[in-house]
C-alpha atoms as a PDB file:
ATOM      1  CA  UNK A   1       0.000   0.000   0.000  1.00  0.00           C
ATOM      2  CA  UNK A   2       2.937   2.356   0.542  1.00  0.00           C
ATOM      3  CA  UNK A   3       4.530   1.733  -2.866  1.00  0.00           C
ATOM      4  CA  UNK A   4       7.193  -0.876  -1.998  1.00  0.00           C
ATOM      5  CA  UNK A   5       7.517  -3.085  -5.070  1.00  0.00           C
ATOM      6  CA  UNK A   6      10.768  -4.954  -4.315  1.00  0.00           C
ATOM      7  CA  UNK A   7      10.657  -7.171  -1.233  1.00  0.00           C
ATOM      8  CA  UNK A   8      13.943  -8.986  -1.780  1.00  0.00           C
ATOM      9  CA  UNK A   9      16.764  -9.617  -4.258  1.00  0.00           C
ATOM     10  CA  UNK A  10      17.633 -13.269  -4.928  1.00  0.00           C
ATOM     11  CA  UNK A  11      21.130 -14.428  -3.897  1.00  0.00           C
ATOM     12  CA  UNK A  12      22.261 -16.204  -7.065  1.00  0.00           C
ATOM     13  CA  UNK A  13      20.680 -14.370  -9.987  1.00  0.00           C
ATOM     14  CA  UNK A  14      20.193 -10.978  -8.277  1.00  0.00           C
ATOM     15  CA  UNK A  15      16.571 -10.885  -9.449  1.00  0.00           C
ATOM     16  CA  UNK A  16      14.006  -8.775  -7.679  1.00  0.00           C
ATOM     17  CA  UNK A  17      10.949 -10.307  -6.065  1.00  0.00           C
ATOM     18  CA  UNK A  18       7.710  -8.763  -4.897  1.00  0.00           C
ATOM     19  CA  UNK A  19       4.237  -9.784  -3.788  1.00  0.00           C
ATOM     20  CA  UNK A  20       3.339 -13.250  -5.145  1.00  0.00           C
ATOM     21  CA  UNK A  21       1.401 -15.954  -3.268  1.00  0.00           C
ATOM     22  CA  UNK A  22       0.202 -14.027  -0.166  1.00  0.00           C
ATOM     23  CA  UNK A  23      -0.191 -17.221   1.906  1.00  0.00           C
ATOM     24  CA  UNK A  24       3.379 -17.813   3.148  1.00  0.00           C
ATOM     25  CA  UNK A  25       4.182 -20.753   0.864  1.00  0.00           C
ATOM     26  CA  UNK A  26       6.863 -19.166  -1.328  1.00  0.00           C
ATOM     27  CA  UNK A  27       9.917 -17.084  -0.430  1.00  0.00           C
ATOM     28  CA  UNK A  28       9.140 -14.023  -2.548  1.00  0.00           C
ATOM     29  CA  UNK A  29       7.996 -11.984   0.455  1.00  0.00           C
ATOM     30  CA  UNK A  30      11.137 -12.484   2.575  1.00  0.00           C
ATOM     31  CA  UNK A  31      12.157  -9.153   4.087  1.00  0.00           C
ATOM     32  CA  UNK A  32      14.203  -7.926   7.048  1.00  0.00           C
ATOM     33  CA  UNK A  33      11.825  -7.059   9.901  1.00  0.00           C
ATOM     34  CA  UNK A  34      13.257  -5.301  12.948  1.00  0.00           C
ATOM     35  CA  UNK A  35      16.721  -6.576  12.001  1.00  0.00           C
ATOM     36  CA  UNK A  36      15.604 -10.198  11.537  1.00  0.00           C
ATOM     37  CA  UNK A  37      16.073 -11.535   7.976  1.00  0.00           C
ATOM     38  CA  UNK A  38      13.896 -14.078   6.129  1.00  0.00           C
ATOM     39  CA  UNK A  39      10.571 -12.965   7.620  1.00  0.00           C
ATOM     40  CA  UNK A  40       7.578 -13.952   5.474  1.00  0.00           C
ATOM     41  CA  UNK A  41       5.993 -10.526   5.406  1.00  0.00           C
ATOM     42  CA  UNK A  42       2.816 -11.586   3.617  1.00  0.00           C
ATOM     43  CA  UNK A  43       1.641 -13.435   6.751  1.00  0.00           C
ATOM     44  CA  UNK A  44       3.322 -11.312   9.437  1.00  0.00           C
ATOM     45  CA  UNK A  45       0.987  -8.887  11.225  1.00  0.00           C
ATOM     46  CA  UNK A  46       2.065  -5.256  10.913  1.00  0.00           C
ATOM     47  CA  UNK A  47       2.759  -3.529  14.221  1.00  0.00           C
ATOM     48  CA  UNK A  48       3.259   0.145  15.002  1.00  0.00           C
ATOM     49  CA  UNK A  49       6.940   1.073  14.864  1.00  0.00           C
ATOM     50  CA  UNK A  50       7.977  -2.055  12.971  1.00  0.00           C
ATOM     51  CA  UNK A  51      10.998  -1.497  10.691  1.00  0.00           C
ATOM     52  CA  UNK A  52      10.618  -3.425   7.419  1.00  0.00           C
ATOM     53  CA  UNK A  53      13.438  -3.384   4.842  1.00  0.00           C
ATOM     54  CA  UNK A  54      14.183  -4.914   1.457  1.00  0.00           C
ATOM     55  CA  UNK A  55      16.251  -8.067   1.902  1.00  0.00           C
ATOM     56  CA  UNK A  56      19.433  -8.552  -0.107  1.00  0.00           C
ATOM     57  CA  UNK A  57      20.981 -11.972  -0.759  1.00  0.00           C
ATOM     58  CA  UNK A  58      20.339 -14.594   1.934  1.00  0.00           C
ATOM     59  CA  UNK A  59      19.352 -12.202   4.653  1.00  0.00           C
ATOM     60  CA  UNK A  60      22.163  -9.703   4.912  1.00  0.00           C
ATOM     61  CA  UNK A  61      20.950  -6.588   6.690  1.00  0.00           C
ATOM     62  CA  UNK A  62      21.718  -3.418   4.679  1.00  0.00           C
ATOM     63  CA  UNK A  63      24.653  -1.416   6.057  1.00  0.00           C
ATOM     64  CA  UNK A  64      22.501   1.676   6.604  1.00  0.00           C
ATOM     65  CA  UNK A  65      20.356  -0.338   9.025  1.00  0.00           C
ATOM     66  CA  UNK A  66      23.247  -1.037  11.394  1.00  0.00           C
END
């Protein structure tokens, strides 16, 4: 709803992924949530103050988040 189109970037092919199945069965929605990588954001309830970031590779937290 806020315009985020890229949820993660795949490790091997560096391809972008976005919203796909919406039921937690694929890995397209993996994002870093509050510093924790590989969170299936399509089935994770949104909470006030939650920090959600695009995931790169296999869960590396972006340097600007440290």
